[in-house]
Structure formats: structure tokens, C-alpha cells
Amino acid sequence: MMKTTLKIEELAQFCLGIFLFSQLHYSWWFFPTLLLLPDIGMLGYLVNTKVGAMVYNVFHNKAIAIAIMLAGMLYLGELYSLIGIILFSHSAMDRFLGYGLKYPDNFKNTHLGTMG
């Protein structure tokens, strides 16, 4: 039951990200095109699992995404809002699909449990 509740919550956050994106002045094709870009954080795993987890988690941290989004809305402009919304939406999508923040010992060890 808890797993289902968490998935519904993440799906709702993903929908919020879509709504927030709709408030920007970008073409709709930007959203799906940029949505997977935060996975560039996986490149940290080319160094080792500790660096990989750290870099991955920075790109998948909703608090960082919200801070960037709000900074864009309040001070820095729409490009930063876009970056924050994409980071937030991607993180919600990942968690809905069962991909959590990573522990430094193994890519498959996440805060949502072991993947696979």
C-alpha cells in the first residue's frame, strides 16, 4: 500500500511539473526533449560509485530543483525556472518509476530500496 501511495504522490508531482512548464514561454517540445537531460549525472559513475552517487543525487534532488526554479521565478529569469522545472519533473518521474537517490556503495542501492 505504501509503495502505491508514494507512486501516486510522485505522479502528482510530475503533473505539477507539467503544469509549471505550461506557465513558461517555451514550446511544448522542449519538455520531452529536456526531460531526460538530468541523467547526465550518471557520468559521475565513470569515476567511481561514490562520485557517481554524489553527482547523480545533485541532479535528482528536488530541493535543489525547487531552489533553482524559485530563483528563476524571483530573480534570475525564465531559463532558470525551466532548468528547475525539468530537474523537478525528471526526479518525480524517476521516483514514480522506482529510481531513487543513490547510496555510494552501488548504483542499484537507493533510498527506495534495491533496484532490480
N, C-alpha and C. Protein backbone atom coordinates (compact mmCIF):
# COMPACT_ATOMS: atom_id res chain seq x y z
N MET A 1 0.82 -1.20 0.00
CA MET A 1 0.00 0.00 0.00
C MET A 1 0.86 1.27 0.00
N MET A 2 1.92 1.29 0.84
CA MET A 2 2.77 2.48 0.92
C MET A 2 3.46 2.76 -0.42
N LYS A 3 3.89 1.70 -1.10
CA LYS A 3 4.56 1.87 -2.39
C LYS A 3 3.62 2.54 -3.40
N THR A 4 2.36 2.13 -3.39
CA THR A 4 1.37 2.72 -4.29
C THR A 4 1.13 4.18 -3.94
N THR A 5 1.03 4.47 -2.65
CA THR A 5 0.83 5.85 -2.19
C THR A 5 1.98 6.74 -2.64
N LEU A 6 3.21 6.26 -2.50
CA LEU A 6 4.38 7.04 -2.91
C LEU A 6 4.39 7.25 -4.42
N LYS A 7 4.00 6.25 -5.18
CA LYS A 7 3.95 6.39 -6.64
C LYS A 7 2.90 7.42 -7.06
N ILE A 8 1.76 7.42 -6.39
CA ILE A 8 0.72 8.41 -6.69
C ILE A 8 1.23 9.81 -6.38
N GLU A 9 1.92 9.94 -5.26
CA GLU A 9 2.49 11.24 -4.89
C GLU A 9 3.49 11.73 -5.93
N GLU A 10 4.35 10.84 -6.39
CA GLU A 10 5.35 11.23 -7.41
C GLU A 10 4.68 11.56 -8.74
N LEU A 11 3.65 10.82 -9.09
CA LEU A 11 2.91 11.12 -10.32
C LEU A 11 2.26 12.50 -10.23
N ALA A 12 1.71 12.83 -9.07
CA ALA A 12 1.12 14.15 -8.86
C ALA A 12 2.19 15.24 -9.00
N GLN A 13 3.38 14.99 -8.48
CA GLN A 13 4.46 15.98 -8.60
C GLN A 13 4.91 16.12 -10.06
N PHE A 14 4.93 15.01 -10.78
CA PHE A 14 5.26 15.08 -12.20
C PHE A 14 4.22 15.92 -12.94
N CYS A 15 2.96 15.73 -12.62
CA CYS A 15 1.89 16.53 -13.23
C CYS A 15 2.05 18.01 -12.87
N LEU A 16 2.45 18.29 -11.63
CA LEU A 16 2.73 19.67 -11.23
C LEU A 16 3.84 20.25 -12.09
N GLY A 17 4.88 19.45 -12.35
CA GLY A 17 5.96 19.92 -13.21
C GLY A 17 5.47 20.27 -14.60
N ILE A 18 4.57 19.46 -15.15
CA ILE A 18 3.99 19.76 -16.46
C ILE A 18 3.21 21.07 -16.41
N PHE A 19 2.42 21.23 -15.35
CA PHE A 19 1.67 22.48 -15.20
C PHE A 19 2.60 23.69 -15.11
N LEU A 20 3.64 23.57 -14.28
CA LEU A 20 4.58 24.69 -14.13
C LEU A 20 5.26 25.00 -15.46
N PHE A 21 5.62 23.96 -16.20
CA PHE A 21 6.22 24.19 -17.52
C PHE A 21 5.24 24.94 -18.42
N SER A 22 3.96 24.63 -18.33
CA SER A 22 2.96 25.28 -19.19
C SER A 22 2.85 26.78 -18.92
N GLN A 23 3.35 27.22 -17.76
CA GLN A 23 3.32 28.64 -17.42
C GLN A 23 4.49 29.41 -18.02
N LEU A 24 5.46 28.69 -18.57
CA LEU A 24 6.62 29.32 -19.20
C LEU A 24 6.31 29.62 -20.66
N HIS A 25 7.18 30.39 -21.27
CA HIS A 25 7.00 30.77 -22.67
C HIS A 25 7.88 29.94 -23.60
N TYR A 26 7.93 28.64 -23.38
CA TYR A 26 8.70 27.73 -24.23
C TYR A 26 7.74 26.84 -25.00
N SER A 27 8.16 26.42 -26.18
CA SER A 27 7.36 25.47 -26.96
C SER A 27 7.26 24.16 -26.20
N TRP A 28 6.17 23.44 -26.41
CA TRP A 28 5.94 22.19 -25.70
C TRP A 28 6.98 21.13 -25.97
N TRP A 29 7.60 21.16 -27.16
CA TRP A 29 8.58 20.13 -27.49
C TRP A 29 9.81 20.22 -26.60
N PHE A 30 10.04 21.35 -25.93
CA PHE A 30 11.18 21.48 -25.02
C PHE A 30 11.06 20.50 -23.85
N PHE A 31 9.84 20.32 -23.34
CA PHE A 31 9.66 19.49 -22.15
C PHE A 31 10.12 18.05 -22.37
N PRO A 32 9.58 17.33 -23.35
CA PRO A 32 10.06 15.95 -23.54
C PRO A 32 11.51 15.88 -24.00
N THR A 33 11.94 16.88 -24.73
CA THR A 33 13.33 16.89 -25.21
C THR A 33 14.32 17.01 -24.05
N LEU A 34 14.00 17.83 -23.07
CA LEU A 34 14.91 18.09 -21.95
C LEU A 34 14.71 17.15 -20.76
N LEU A 35 13.60 16.42 -20.77
CA LEU A 35 13.21 15.65 -19.59
C LEU A 35 14.25 14.62 -19.14
N LEU A 36 14.96 14.01 -20.04
CA LEU A 36 15.96 13.01 -19.66
C LEU A 36 17.36 13.59 -19.44
N LEU A 37 17.53 14.87 -19.70
CA LEU A 37 18.84 15.51 -19.56
C LEU A 37 19.46 15.37 -18.17
N PRO A 38 18.70 15.42 -17.07
CA PRO A 38 19.33 15.27 -15.75
C PRO A 38 20.06 13.94 -15.55
N ASP A 39 19.77 12.95 -16.39
CA ASP A 39 20.50 11.69 -16.26
C ASP A 39 21.96 11.81 -16.67
N ILE A 40 22.36 12.98 -17.14
CA ILE A 40 23.78 13.24 -17.39
C ILE A 40 24.58 13.07 -16.09
N GLY A 41 23.89 13.18 -14.96
CA GLY A 41 24.52 12.99 -13.66
C GLY A 41 25.10 11.60 -13.48
N MET A 42 24.66 10.65 -14.29
CA MET A 42 25.21 9.29 -14.21
C MET A 42 26.66 9.23 -14.68
N LEU A 43 27.11 10.26 -15.37
CA LEU A 43 28.50 10.26 -15.83
C LEU A 43 29.49 10.21 -14.67
N GLY A 44 29.07 10.64 -13.50
CA GLY A 44 29.93 10.56 -12.32
C GLY A 44 30.35 9.14 -11.99
N TYR A 45 29.54 8.17 -12.42
CA TYR A 45 29.89 6.77 -12.19
C TYR A 45 31.10 6.32 -13.00
N LEU A 46 31.50 7.12 -13.98
CA LEU A 46 32.72 6.81 -14.72
C LEU A 46 33.96 6.97 -13.84
N VAL A 47 33.84 7.79 -12.78
CA VAL A 47 34.94 7.98 -11.83
C VAL A 47 34.93 6.83 -10.83
N ASN A 48 33.86 6.72 -10.07
CA ASN A 48 33.64 5.61 -9.12
C ASN A 48 32.24 5.74 -8.55
N THR A 49 31.83 4.76 -7.74
CA THR A 49 30.45 4.78 -7.24
C THR A 49 30.18 5.91 -6.25
N LYS A 50 31.18 6.31 -5.49
CA LYS A 50 30.98 7.40 -4.53
C LYS A 50 30.74 8.72 -5.25
N VAL A 51 31.60 9.04 -6.21
CA VAL A 51 31.43 10.27 -7.00
C VAL A 51 30.15 10.17 -7.82
N GLY A 52 29.90 9.00 -8.39
CA GLY A 52 28.69 8.80 -9.19
C GLY A 52 27.43 9.08 -8.40
N ALA A 53 27.35 8.53 -7.19
CA ALA A 53 26.17 8.75 -6.36
C ALA A 53 26.01 10.22 -6.00
N MET A 54 27.11 10.88 -5.67
CA MET A 54 27.06 12.28 -5.30
C MET A 54 26.55 13.15 -6.46
N VAL A 55 27.13 12.96 -7.65
CA VAL A 55 26.74 13.76 -8.81
C VAL A 55 25.30 13.43 -9.22
N TYR A 56 24.98 12.15 -9.26
CA TYR A 56 23.63 11.72 -9.61
C TYR A 56 22.61 12.36 -8.66
N ASN A 57 22.89 12.31 -7.37
CA ASN A 57 21.95 12.84 -6.38
C ASN A 57 21.78 14.36 -6.47
N VAL A 58 22.83 15.07 -6.85
CA VAL A 58 22.69 16.52 -7.05
C VAL A 58 21.71 16.80 -8.18
N PHE A 59 21.81 16.03 -9.27
CA PHE A 59 20.93 16.23 -10.42
C PHE A 59 19.51 15.70 -10.17
N HIS A 60 19.30 14.95 -9.09
CA HIS A 60 18.00 14.34 -8.81
C HIS A 60 17.44 14.76 -7.45
N ASN A 61 17.92 15.86 -6.92
CA ASN A 61 17.48 16.35 -5.62
C ASN A 61 16.38 17.39 -5.84
N LYS A 62 15.20 17.11 -5.33
CA LYS A 62 14.07 18.02 -5.56
C LYS A 62 14.25 19.37 -4.86
N ALA A 63 14.91 19.39 -3.71
CA ALA A 63 15.13 20.66 -3.01
C ALA A 63 16.00 21.59 -3.86
N ILE A 64 17.03 21.04 -4.48
CA ILE A 64 17.88 21.84 -5.37
C ILE A 64 17.06 22.31 -6.56
N ALA A 65 16.25 21.41 -7.12
CA ALA A 65 15.41 21.77 -8.27
C ALA A 65 14.46 22.91 -7.92
N ILE A 66 13.83 22.82 -6.76
CA ILE A 66 12.89 23.86 -6.33
C ILE A 66 13.63 25.18 -6.10
N ALA A 67 14.81 25.12 -5.51
CA ALA A 67 15.59 26.35 -5.27
C ALA A 67 15.94 27.03 -6.60
N ILE A 68 16.36 26.25 -7.59
CA ILE A 68 16.69 26.81 -8.89
C ILE A 68 15.44 27.40 -9.55
N MET A 69 14.35 26.65 -9.47
CA MET A 69 13.09 27.12 -10.06
C MET A 69 12.64 28.44 -9.42
N LEU A 70 12.67 28.50 -8.11
CA LEU A 70 12.25 29.73 -7.42
C LEU A 70 13.21 30.89 -7.69
N ALA A 71 14.49 30.60 -7.73
CA ALA A 71 15.46 31.66 -8.06
C ALA A 71 15.16 32.22 -9.45
N GLY A 72 14.80 31.34 -10.37
CA GLY A 72 14.43 31.78 -11.70
C GLY A 72 13.18 32.64 -11.69
N MET A 73 12.19 32.21 -10.94
CA MET A 73 10.92 32.94 -10.89
C MET A 73 11.06 34.30 -10.22
N LEU A 74 11.93 34.36 -9.21
CA LEU A 74 12.04 35.59 -8.42
C LEU A 74 13.14 36.53 -8.89
N TYR A 75 14.25 35.98 -9.41
CA TYR A 75 15.41 36.83 -9.66
C TYR A 75 16.10 36.61 -11.01
N LEU A 76 16.30 35.36 -11.40
CA LEU A 76 17.23 35.06 -12.48
C LEU A 76 16.61 34.90 -13.86
N GLY A 77 15.32 34.74 -13.93
CA GLY A 77 14.65 34.66 -15.22
C GLY A 77 14.19 33.27 -15.60
N GLU A 78 13.48 33.23 -16.71
CA GLU A 78 12.76 32.04 -17.13
C GLU A 78 13.65 30.84 -17.45
N LEU A 79 14.86 31.07 -17.92
CA LEU A 79 15.75 29.94 -18.21
C LEU A 79 16.02 29.13 -16.95
N TYR A 80 16.25 29.80 -15.83
CA TYR A 80 16.49 29.09 -14.57
C TYR A 80 15.21 28.41 -14.07
N SER A 81 14.07 29.04 -14.30
CA SER A 81 12.80 28.38 -13.97
C SER A 81 12.67 27.09 -14.77
N LEU A 82 13.01 27.15 -16.04
CA LEU A 82 12.96 25.96 -16.90
C LEU A 82 13.88 24.87 -16.38
N ILE A 83 15.10 25.23 -16.02
CA ILE A 83 16.05 24.25 -15.50
C ILE A 83 15.50 23.60 -14.24
N GLY A 84 14.99 24.40 -13.32
CA GLY A 84 14.43 23.87 -12.08
C GLY A 84 13.23 22.97 -12.32
N ILE A 85 12.37 23.36 -13.23
CA ILE A 85 11.18 22.56 -13.52
C ILE A 85 11.56 21.24 -14.16
N ILE A 86 12.53 21.24 -15.05
CA ILE A 86 12.98 20.00 -15.68
C ILE A 86 13.61 19.08 -14.63
N LEU A 87 14.47 19.62 -13.77
CA LEU A 87 15.09 18.81 -12.72
C LEU A 87 14.02 18.22 -11.80
N PHE A 88 13.05 19.04 -11.40
CA PHE A 88 11.98 18.59 -10.51
C PHE A 88 11.12 17.51 -11.18
N SER A 89 10.72 17.77 -12.41
CA SER A 89 9.86 16.83 -13.14
C SER A 89 10.57 15.51 -13.38
N HIS A 90 11.83 15.58 -13.76
CA HIS A 90 12.60 14.37 -14.01
C HIS A 90 12.72 13.53 -12.74
N SER A 91 12.99 14.19 -11.62
CA SER A 91 13.14 13.47 -10.36
C SER A 91 11.83 12.80 -9.96
N ALA A 92 10.72 13.49 -10.13
CA ALA A 92 9.42 12.90 -9.82
C ALA A 92 9.14 11.70 -10.73
N MET A 93 9.45 11.85 -12.01
CA MET A 93 9.25 10.75 -12.96
C MET A 93 10.10 9.55 -12.57
N ASP A 94 11.38 9.80 -12.26
CA ASP A 94 12.27 8.71 -11.87
C ASP A 94 11.74 7.97 -10.64
N ARG A 95 11.31 8.71 -9.65
CA ARG A 95 10.83 8.07 -8.42
C ARG A 95 9.53 7.33 -8.66
N PHE A 96 8.68 7.85 -9.53
CA PHE A 96 7.47 7.13 -9.90
C PHE A 96 7.83 5.79 -10.53
N LEU A 97 8.91 5.78 -11.29
CA LEU A 97 9.36 4.55 -11.96
C LEU A 97 10.21 3.65 -11.05
N GLY A 98 10.50 4.12 -9.83
CA GLY A 98 11.22 3.30 -8.87
C GLY A 98 12.71 3.58 -8.76
N TYR A 99 13.18 4.65 -9.42
CA TYR A 99 14.60 5.02 -9.34
C TYR A 99 14.77 6.08 -8.26
N GLY A 100 15.47 5.73 -7.21
CA GLY A 100 15.64 6.65 -6.10
C GLY A 100 17.02 7.29 -6.07
N LEU A 101 17.23 8.10 -5.05
CA LEU A 101 18.55 8.68 -4.81
C LEU A 101 19.52 7.54 -4.47
N LYS A 102 20.75 7.70 -4.88
CA LYS A 102 21.72 6.60 -4.79
C LYS A 102 22.56 6.66 -3.52
N TYR A 103 22.84 5.47 -3.00
CA TYR A 103 23.84 5.32 -1.94
C TYR A 103 25.19 5.11 -2.62
N PRO A 104 26.29 5.46 -1.95
CA PRO A 104 27.60 5.43 -2.61
C PRO A 104 28.19 4.04 -2.84
N ASP A 105 27.57 3.00 -2.32
CA ASP A 105 28.16 1.67 -2.45
C ASP A 105 27.82 0.97 -3.77
N ASN A 106 26.63 1.30 -4.35
CA ASN A 106 26.19 0.58 -5.54
C ASN A 106 25.08 1.37 -6.21
N PHE A 107 25.11 1.47 -7.53
CA PHE A 107 24.10 2.21 -8.28
C PHE A 107 22.69 1.69 -7.99
N LYS A 108 22.56 0.41 -7.76
CA LYS A 108 21.24 -0.19 -7.56
C LYS A 108 20.72 -0.02 -6.13
N ASN A 109 21.53 0.48 -5.23
CA ASN A 109 21.13 0.69 -3.84
C ASN A 109 20.61 2.12 -3.70
N THR A 110 19.26 2.27 -3.54
CA THR A 110 18.65 3.60 -3.50
C THR A 110 17.84 3.79 -2.22
N HIS A 111 17.43 5.02 -2.01
CA HIS A 111 16.61 5.32 -0.84
C HIS A 111 15.23 4.68 -0.92
N LEU A 112 14.87 4.19 -2.09
CA LEU A 112 13.60 3.48 -2.26
C LEU A 112 13.75 1.97 -2.13
N GLY A 113 14.99 1.52 -1.92
CA GLY A 113 15.27 0.09 -1.84
C GLY A 113 16.22 -0.31 -2.97
N THR A 114 16.46 -1.59 -3.06
CA THR A 114 17.36 -2.11 -4.09
C THR A 114 16.60 -2.26 -5.41
N MET A 115 17.17 -1.73 -6.48
CA MET A 115 16.55 -1.84 -7.80
C MET A 115 16.85 -3.23 -8.37
N GLY A 116 15.86 -3.73 -9.13
CA GLY A 116 16.08 -5.00 -9.83
C GLY A 116 15.91 -6.13 -9.01
